[in-house]
Amino acid sequence: MSTMADERVPNTFFQAARAVFWSFLGIRRGAQHEQDIVRLKPAHVIVAGIIGALIFVFALVMLARFVVGHAT
C-alpha cells in the first residue's frame, strides 16, 4: 500500500539501476515491480539498462579471454 509521501520521494539513478539489476537476474517482487513502474523515470531505466548490458558483455568477454588464455 503506497502513501502520498512515498509518491513524492524523488527517484535517483541508483534506484533505477537497482531495479534493472534485479530485472536482469529475473528476481522481482510484484509489489516492487508495480512501484517501480509508477515511480521510475524511463530515461533512467534506459540508461541503466544500457550500462548494465555493457557491463554484462564486458564481463563475458573478460571471462572468455581468461578461459581461452589458460586453456593453452
Protein backbone atom coordinates (compact mmCIF):
# COMPACT_ATOMS: atom_id res chain seq x y z
CA MET A 1 0.00 0.00 0.00
CA SER A 2 1.54 3.32 -1.01
CA THR A 3 1.04 6.65 0.65
CA MET A 4 1.26 10.16 -0.69
CA ALA A 5 4.64 10.62 0.99
CA ASP A 6 6.00 7.61 -0.92
CA GLU A 7 4.91 9.06 -4.25
CA ARG A 8 6.64 12.40 -3.62
CA VAL A 9 10.06 10.89 -2.90
CA PRO A 10 12.36 11.79 -5.79
CA ASN A 11 13.92 8.83 -7.53
CA THR A 12 17.59 8.65 -8.26
CA PHE A 13 19.51 6.92 -10.99
CA PHE A 14 20.70 4.37 -8.43
CA GLN A 15 17.13 3.26 -7.75
CA ALA A 16 16.69 2.70 -11.48
CA ALA A 17 20.00 0.82 -11.61
CA ARG A 18 18.88 -1.39 -8.73
CA ALA A 19 15.59 -2.15 -10.48
CA VAL A 20 17.42 -3.00 -13.72
CA PHE A 21 19.93 -5.20 -11.86
CA TRP A 22 17.20 -7.25 -10.22
CA SER A 23 15.35 -7.43 -13.53
CA PHE A 24 18.48 -8.81 -15.24
CA LEU A 25 18.55 -11.56 -12.63
CA GLY A 26 14.84 -12.18 -13.02
CA ILE A 27 14.15 -11.68 -9.34
CA ARG A 28 11.39 -9.11 -8.88
CA ARG A 29 8.55 -8.93 -6.41
CA GLY A 30 5.19 -7.96 -7.81
CA ALA A 31 4.75 -5.05 -5.42
CA GLN A 32 8.21 -3.67 -6.14
CA HIS A 33 7.65 -4.01 -9.87
CA GLU A 34 4.38 -2.07 -9.67
CA GLN A 35 6.03 0.58 -7.52
CA ASP A 36 8.93 0.93 -9.98
CA ILE A 37 6.55 1.35 -12.92
CA VAL A 38 4.90 4.29 -11.20
CA ARG A 39 7.98 5.95 -9.72
CA LEU A 40 10.96 5.46 -12.05
CA LYS A 41 11.75 7.76 -14.93
CA PRO A 42 12.00 5.94 -18.28
CA ALA A 43 15.23 7.75 -19.18
CA HIS A 44 16.92 6.48 -16.02
CA VAL A 45 15.79 2.92 -16.73
CA ILE A 46 17.02 3.07 -20.34
CA VAL A 47 20.45 4.42 -19.36
CA ALA A 48 20.77 1.91 -16.50
CA GLY A 49 19.80 -0.90 -18.87
CA ILE A 50 22.38 0.11 -21.45
CA ILE A 51 25.10 0.42 -18.80
CA GLY A 52 24.09 -2.94 -17.31
CA ALA A 53 24.20 -4.60 -20.73
CA LEU A 54 27.65 -3.14 -21.45
CA ILE A 55 28.97 -4.38 -18.10
CA PHE A 56 27.50 -7.83 -18.77
CA VAL A 57 29.09 -8.05 -22.25
CA PHE A 58 32.43 -6.80 -20.89
CA ALA A 59 32.34 -9.44 -18.14
CA LEU A 60 31.61 -12.19 -20.69
CA VAL A 61 34.47 -11.05 -22.93
CA MET A 62 36.87 -10.96 -19.99
CA LEU A 63 35.72 -14.43 -18.87
CA ALA A 64 36.20 -15.81 -22.39
CA ARG A 65 39.69 -14.30 -22.64
CA PHE A 66 40.58 -15.75 -19.24
CA VAL A 67 39.35 -19.24 -20.17
CA VAL A 68 41.00 -19.25 -23.60
CA GLY A 69 44.26 -17.82 -22.21
CA HIS A 70 44.50 -20.58 -19.61
CA ALA A 71 43.44 -23.38 -21.96
CA THR A 72 46.70 -23.41 -23.91
